Amino acid sequence: MGIIIGAGENPDTQTTLTSIEQFSADVAYSIGDIVFHENRIYKFVGDHAAGDWDQAVVEQQAVKIVG
C-alpha cells in the first residue's frame, strides 16, 4: 500500500510514501518534508526549526491511497 501526496497534480511532482510521521515540536524539518498534523497531511515549503507548528511554512496536500 502506498500514499501518493499531491494526487491530481502533475505526476512529476507527486511523492509516494509508505508511511507519514506525526509532526513533533522536538524535530527540525526541511523543505519537502511531509508530516501528519491535526488530521491533515502537510509538506514543508520552508525550513522549520524545532518548535511550535508554523502554518506559514507548510502547504496542505491532496492525498490518494493506492493498494
N, C-alpha and C. Protein backbone atom coordinates (compact mmCIF):
# COMPACT_ATOMS: atom_id res chain seq x y z
N MET A 1 0.85 -1.18 0.00
CA MET A 1 0.00 0.00 0.00
C MET A 1 0.90 1.24 0.00
N GLY A 2 0.50 2.25 -0.71
CA GLY A 2 1.25 3.49 -0.74
C GLY A 2 0.34 4.69 -0.57
N ILE A 3 0.95 5.80 -0.29
CA ILE A 3 0.24 7.06 -0.12
C ILE A 3 0.85 8.03 -1.13
N ILE A 4 0.03 8.53 -2.05
CA ILE A 4 0.52 9.49 -3.03
C ILE A 4 0.16 10.88 -2.55
N ILE A 5 1.17 11.70 -2.37
CA ILE A 5 0.99 13.09 -1.95
C ILE A 5 1.01 13.95 -3.20
N GLY A 6 0.06 14.86 -3.31
CA GLY A 6 -0.03 15.70 -4.49
C GLY A 6 -0.92 15.07 -5.55
N ALA A 7 -1.80 14.15 -5.14
CA ALA A 7 -2.70 13.47 -6.07
C ALA A 7 -3.49 14.49 -6.87
N GLY A 8 -3.61 14.23 -8.17
CA GLY A 8 -4.37 15.12 -9.03
C GLY A 8 -3.52 16.20 -9.65
N GLU A 9 -2.28 16.30 -9.22
CA GLU A 9 -1.37 17.27 -9.78
C GLU A 9 -0.48 16.57 -10.80
N ASN A 10 0.48 17.25 -11.33
CA ASN A 10 1.45 16.70 -12.26
C ASN A 10 2.15 15.49 -11.62
N PRO A 11 2.12 14.32 -12.25
CA PRO A 11 2.77 13.14 -11.67
C PRO A 11 4.26 13.34 -11.37
N ASP A 12 4.90 14.24 -12.08
CA ASP A 12 6.32 14.51 -11.85
C ASP A 12 6.56 15.19 -10.51
N THR A 13 5.52 15.77 -9.92
CA THR A 13 5.68 16.46 -8.64
C THR A 13 5.06 15.68 -7.49
N GLN A 14 4.54 14.48 -7.78
CA GLN A 14 3.93 13.67 -6.73
C GLN A 14 5.00 12.92 -5.95
N THR A 15 4.70 12.61 -4.70
CA THR A 15 5.58 11.85 -3.83
C THR A 15 4.81 10.63 -3.35
N THR A 16 5.41 9.45 -3.43
CA THR A 16 4.78 8.24 -2.93
C THR A 16 5.48 7.80 -1.66
N LEU A 17 4.71 7.57 -0.61
CA LEU A 17 5.25 7.16 0.69
C LEU A 17 4.56 5.89 1.15
N THR A 18 5.19 5.18 2.08
CA THR A 18 4.54 4.03 2.70
C THR A 18 4.06 4.39 4.10
N SER A 19 4.54 5.50 4.65
CA SER A 19 4.09 5.97 5.95
C SER A 19 4.36 7.48 6.07
N ILE A 20 3.68 8.11 7.03
CA ILE A 20 3.86 9.54 7.27
C ILE A 20 4.05 9.74 8.76
N GLU A 21 5.05 10.51 9.13
CA GLU A 21 5.31 10.76 10.54
C GLU A 21 4.41 11.86 11.09
N GLN A 22 4.06 11.73 12.34
CA GLN A 22 3.31 12.76 13.06
C GLN A 22 4.25 13.95 13.31
N PHE A 23 3.75 15.17 13.15
CA PHE A 23 4.54 16.36 13.45
C PHE A 23 4.98 16.32 14.91
N SER A 24 6.24 16.69 15.14
CA SER A 24 6.77 16.78 16.51
C SER A 24 7.47 18.12 16.68
N ALA A 25 7.15 18.83 17.74
CA ALA A 25 7.79 20.11 18.04
C ALA A 25 9.26 19.92 18.41
N ASP A 26 9.68 18.68 18.65
CA ASP A 26 11.06 18.39 19.01
C ASP A 26 11.96 18.17 17.80
N VAL A 27 11.39 18.20 16.60
CA VAL A 27 12.12 17.88 15.37
C VAL A 27 12.21 19.11 14.47
N ALA A 28 13.37 19.31 13.85
CA ALA A 28 13.52 20.34 12.81
C ALA A 28 13.16 19.71 11.47
N TYR A 29 12.49 20.46 10.60
CA TYR A 29 12.06 19.95 9.30
C TYR A 29 12.66 20.79 8.19
N SER A 30 12.87 20.15 7.05
CA SER A 30 13.43 20.82 5.87
C SER A 30 12.38 20.93 4.78
N ILE A 31 12.63 21.78 3.82
CA ILE A 31 11.74 21.90 2.66
C ILE A 31 11.56 20.52 2.04
N GLY A 32 10.31 20.17 1.77
CA GLY A 32 10.00 18.89 1.16
C GLY A 32 9.60 17.81 2.15
N ASP A 33 9.89 17.99 3.44
CA ASP A 33 9.47 17.01 4.44
C ASP A 33 7.95 16.99 4.53
N ILE A 34 7.39 15.81 4.79
CA ILE A 34 5.94 15.64 4.85
C ILE A 34 5.57 15.10 6.22
N VAL A 35 4.53 15.70 6.83
CA VAL A 35 4.09 15.29 8.17
C VAL A 35 2.56 15.23 8.25
N PHE A 36 2.11 14.53 9.26
CA PHE A 36 0.69 14.45 9.60
C PHE A 36 0.47 15.35 10.81
N HIS A 37 -0.50 16.28 10.73
CA HIS A 37 -0.76 17.20 11.83
C HIS A 37 -2.25 17.54 11.86
N GLU A 38 -2.87 17.31 13.02
CA GLU A 38 -4.30 17.62 13.21
C GLU A 38 -5.16 17.04 12.08
N ASN A 39 -4.97 15.75 11.81
CA ASN A 39 -5.77 15.00 10.81
C ASN A 39 -5.60 15.48 9.38
N ARG A 40 -4.50 16.13 9.10
CA ARG A 40 -4.20 16.59 7.74
C ARG A 40 -2.75 16.30 7.42
N ILE A 41 -2.46 16.24 6.12
CA ILE A 41 -1.08 15.99 5.68
C ILE A 41 -0.53 17.27 5.07
N TYR A 42 0.68 17.61 5.49
CA TYR A 42 1.33 18.84 5.06
C TYR A 42 2.73 18.57 4.52
N LYS A 43 3.15 19.41 3.58
CA LYS A 43 4.50 19.38 3.04
C LYS A 43 5.15 20.71 3.39
N PHE A 44 6.38 20.66 3.91
CA PHE A 44 7.08 21.89 4.27
C PHE A 44 7.59 22.58 3.00
N VAL A 45 7.27 23.86 2.89
CA VAL A 45 7.73 24.70 1.77
C VAL A 45 8.80 25.67 2.24
N GLY A 46 9.12 25.60 3.52
CA GLY A 46 10.19 26.39 4.12
C GLY A 46 10.80 25.58 5.24
N ASP A 47 12.01 25.89 5.60
CA ASP A 47 12.65 25.20 6.72
C ASP A 47 11.94 25.56 8.02
N HIS A 48 11.93 24.62 8.96
CA HIS A 48 11.24 24.80 10.23
C HIS A 48 12.13 24.29 11.35
N ALA A 49 12.61 25.19 12.19
CA ALA A 49 13.41 24.78 13.35
C ALA A 49 12.49 24.06 14.33
N ALA A 50 13.06 23.24 15.19
CA ALA A 50 12.25 22.57 16.21
C ALA A 50 11.47 23.64 16.98
N GLY A 51 10.20 23.36 17.25
CA GLY A 51 9.34 24.32 17.93
C GLY A 51 7.90 24.14 17.52
N ASP A 52 7.07 25.08 17.91
CA ASP A 52 5.64 25.01 17.65
C ASP A 52 5.33 24.99 16.16
N TRP A 53 4.15 24.48 15.82
CA TRP A 53 3.65 24.43 14.45
C TRP A 53 3.63 25.83 13.86
N ASP A 54 4.08 25.96 12.60
CA ASP A 54 4.10 27.25 11.90
C ASP A 54 3.42 27.08 10.55
N GLN A 55 2.17 27.47 10.47
CA GLN A 55 1.37 27.31 9.25
C GLN A 55 1.98 28.02 8.05
N ALA A 56 2.82 29.02 8.29
CA ALA A 56 3.41 29.81 7.20
C ALA A 56 4.42 29.03 6.37
N VAL A 57 4.93 27.91 6.88
CA VAL A 57 5.98 27.18 6.15
C VAL A 57 5.50 25.82 5.64
N VAL A 58 4.18 25.61 5.60
CA VAL A 58 3.63 24.34 5.10
C VAL A 58 2.50 24.59 4.12
N GLU A 59 2.24 23.56 3.29
CA GLU A 59 1.08 23.57 2.41
C GLU A 59 0.35 22.25 2.62
N GLN A 60 -0.98 22.33 2.80
CA GLN A 60 -1.77 21.12 2.93
C GLN A 60 -1.72 20.36 1.60
N GLN A 61 -1.69 19.03 1.67
CA GLN A 61 -1.53 18.22 0.48
C GLN A 61 -2.77 17.37 0.19
N ALA A 62 -3.05 17.20 -1.10
CA ALA A 62 -4.07 16.25 -1.53
C ALA A 62 -3.45 14.86 -1.39
N VAL A 63 -4.29 13.87 -1.09
CA VAL A 63 -3.78 12.53 -0.81
C VAL A 63 -4.61 11.48 -1.57
N LYS A 64 -3.90 10.45 -2.03
CA LYS A 64 -4.57 9.31 -2.66
C LYS A 64 -3.90 8.04 -2.11
N ILE A 65 -4.71 7.12 -1.57
CA ILE A 65 -4.19 5.85 -1.06
C ILE A 65 -4.28 4.83 -2.21
N VAL A 66 -3.17 4.16 -2.48
CA VAL A 66 -3.15 3.13 -3.53
C VAL A 66 -2.75 1.81 -2.91
N GLY A 67 -3.29 0.75 -3.43
CA GLY A 67 -3.02 -0.54 -2.81
C GLY A 67 -2.63 -1.54 -3.81
